[in-house]
Amino acid sequence: MTSQSVAGVFGAIVAVAVLAAAFVYGPLGQLGKPARPARVEQPMTQPMAQPMPAPPSVRGPVVREVPN
């Protein structure tokens, strides 16, 4: 067996390993990927709720005169 035939066999083994890794880690299209779940729209049976009122604005500290 010559070194060229050994290199050819070794090259074929490496090529198969690279193709297998490419197929496992990066399939094209939907092959191997889970199907996307269908988007379900909820029917509007109740009227829209009123938006909550904004909280009151933050006030600073209250300063009162303190008797001596």
C-alpha atoms as a PDB file:
ATOM      1  CA  MET A   1       0.000   0.000   0.000  1.00  0.00           C
ATOM      2  CA  THR A   2       1.508   3.275  -1.067  1.00  0.00           C
ATOM      3  CA  SER A   3       1.386   6.516   0.833  1.00  0.00           C
ATOM      4  CA  GLN A   4      -0.949   7.962  -1.805  1.00  0.00           C
ATOM      5  CA  SER A   5      -3.574   5.283  -1.225  1.00  0.00           C
ATOM      6  CA  VAL A   6      -3.297   5.716   2.565  1.00  0.00           C
ATOM      7  CA  ALA A   7      -3.753   9.459   2.127  1.00  0.00           C
ATOM      8  CA  GLY A   8      -6.775   8.835  -0.100  1.00  0.00           C
ATOM      9  CA  VAL A   9      -8.421   6.572   2.479  1.00  0.00           C
ATOM     10  CA  PHE A  10      -7.618   9.005   5.285  1.00  0.00           C
ATOM     11  CA  GLY A  11      -8.974  11.912   3.199  1.00  0.00           C
ATOM     12  CA  ALA A  12     -12.204  10.022   2.546  1.00  0.00           C
ATOM     13  CA  ILE A  13     -12.640   9.327   6.269  1.00  0.00           C
ATOM     14  CA  VAL A  14     -12.077  13.016   7.108  1.00  0.00           C
ATOM     15  CA  ALA A  15     -14.514  14.107   4.391  1.00  0.00           C
ATOM     16  CA  VAL A  16     -17.236  11.778   5.715  1.00  0.00           C
ATOM     17  CA  ALA A  17     -16.675  13.072   9.267  1.00  0.00           C
ATOM     18  CA  VAL A  18     -16.881  16.706   8.121  1.00  0.00           C
ATOM     19  CA  LEU A  19     -20.059  16.096   6.130  1.00  0.00           C
ATOM     20  CA  ALA A  20     -21.656  14.259   9.053  1.00  0.00           C
ATOM     21  CA  ALA A  21     -20.782  17.104  11.450  1.00  0.00           C
ATOM     22  CA  ALA A  22     -22.168  19.672   8.996  1.00  0.00           C
ATOM     23  CA  PHE A  23     -25.405  17.723   8.725  1.00  0.00           C
ATOM     24  CA  VAL A  24     -25.780  17.305  12.495  1.00  0.00           C
ATOM     25  CA  TYR A  25     -24.902  20.865  13.522  1.00  0.00           C
ATOM     26  CA  GLY A  26     -26.272  22.844  10.588  1.00  0.00           C
ATOM     27  CA  PRO A  27     -29.143  21.266   8.688  1.00  0.00           C
ATOM     28  CA  LEU A  28     -30.551  23.297   5.822  1.00  0.00           C
ATOM     29  CA  GLY A  29     -34.198  24.342   5.807  1.00  0.00           C
ATOM     30  CA  GLN A  30     -36.650  22.665   8.156  1.00  0.00           C
ATOM     31  CA  LEU A  31     -34.763  19.369   8.107  1.00  0.00           C
ATOM     32  CA  GLY A  32     -34.042  18.426  11.711  1.00  0.00           C
ATOM     33  CA  LYS A  33     -35.700  21.524  13.178  1.00  0.00           C
ATOM     34  CA  PRO A  34     -38.888  21.367  15.225  1.00  0.00           C
ATOM     35  CA  ALA A  35     -41.983  22.691  13.506  1.00  0.00           C
ATOM     36  CA  ARG A  36     -43.111  26.134  14.590  1.00  0.00           C
ATOM     37  CA  PRO A  37     -46.345  26.033  16.581  1.00  0.00           C
ATOM     38  CA  ALA A  38     -49.302  27.643  14.876  1.00  0.00           C
ATOM     39  CA  ARG A  39     -50.173  31.045  16.264  1.00  0.00           C
ATOM     40  CA  VAL A  40     -53.565  30.939  17.944  1.00  0.00           C
ATOM     41  CA  GLU A  41     -55.501  34.190  18.127  1.00  0.00           C
ATOM     42  CA  GLN A  42     -57.828  34.590  21.113  1.00  0.00           C
ATOM     43  CA  PRO A  43     -61.302  35.752  20.079  1.00  0.00           C
ATOM     44  CA  MET A  44     -62.314  39.064  21.651  1.00  0.00           C
ATOM     45  CA  THR A  45     -65.304  38.106  23.783  1.00  0.00           C
ATOM     46  CA  GLN A  46     -65.002  40.915  26.350  1.00  0.00           C
ATOM     47  CA  PRO A  47     -64.618  44.601  25.609  1.00  0.00           C
ATOM     48  CA  MET A  48     -61.197  46.061  26.117  1.00  0.00           C
ATOM     49  CA  ALA A  49     -60.479  46.957  29.741  1.00  0.00           C
ATOM     50  CA  GLN A  50     -59.868  50.594  30.547  1.00  0.00           C
ATOM     51  CA  PRO A  51     -56.179  51.420  30.998  1.00  0.00           C
ATOM     52  CA  MET A  52     -55.050  51.883  34.562  1.00  0.00           C
ATOM     53  CA  PRO A  53     -54.583  55.517  35.610  1.00  0.00           C
ATOM     54  CA  ALA A  54     -51.031  56.713  36.012  1.00  0.00           C
ATOM     55  CA  PRO A  55     -49.693  56.756  39.572  1.00  0.00           C
ATOM     56  CA  PRO A  56     -49.478  60.185  41.201  1.00  0.00           C
ATOM     57  CA  SER A  57     -46.264  62.059  40.638  1.00  0.00           C
ATOM     58  CA  VAL A  58     -43.566  61.746  43.260  1.00  0.00           C
ATOM     59  CA  ARG A  59     -43.442  64.669  45.633  1.00  0.00           C
ATOM     60  CA  GLY A  60     -40.452  65.911  47.556  1.00  0.00           C
ATOM     61  CA  PRO A  61     -40.172  65.878  51.344  1.00  0.00           C
ATOM     62  CA  VAL A  62     -42.630  68.037  53.278  1.00  0.00           C
ATOM     63  CA  VAL A  63     -40.840  70.643  55.384  1.00  0.00           C
ATOM     64  CA  ARG A  64     -42.776  71.956  58.375  1.00  0.00           C
ATOM     65  CA  GLU A  65     -41.757  74.424  60.955  1.00  0.00           C
ATOM     66  CA  VAL A  66     -40.855  72.765  64.206  1.00  0.00           C
ATOM     67  CA  PRO A  67     -41.441  74.752  67.454  1.00  0.00           C
ATOM     68  CA  ASN A  68     -38.312  75.417  69.507  1.00  0.00           C
END
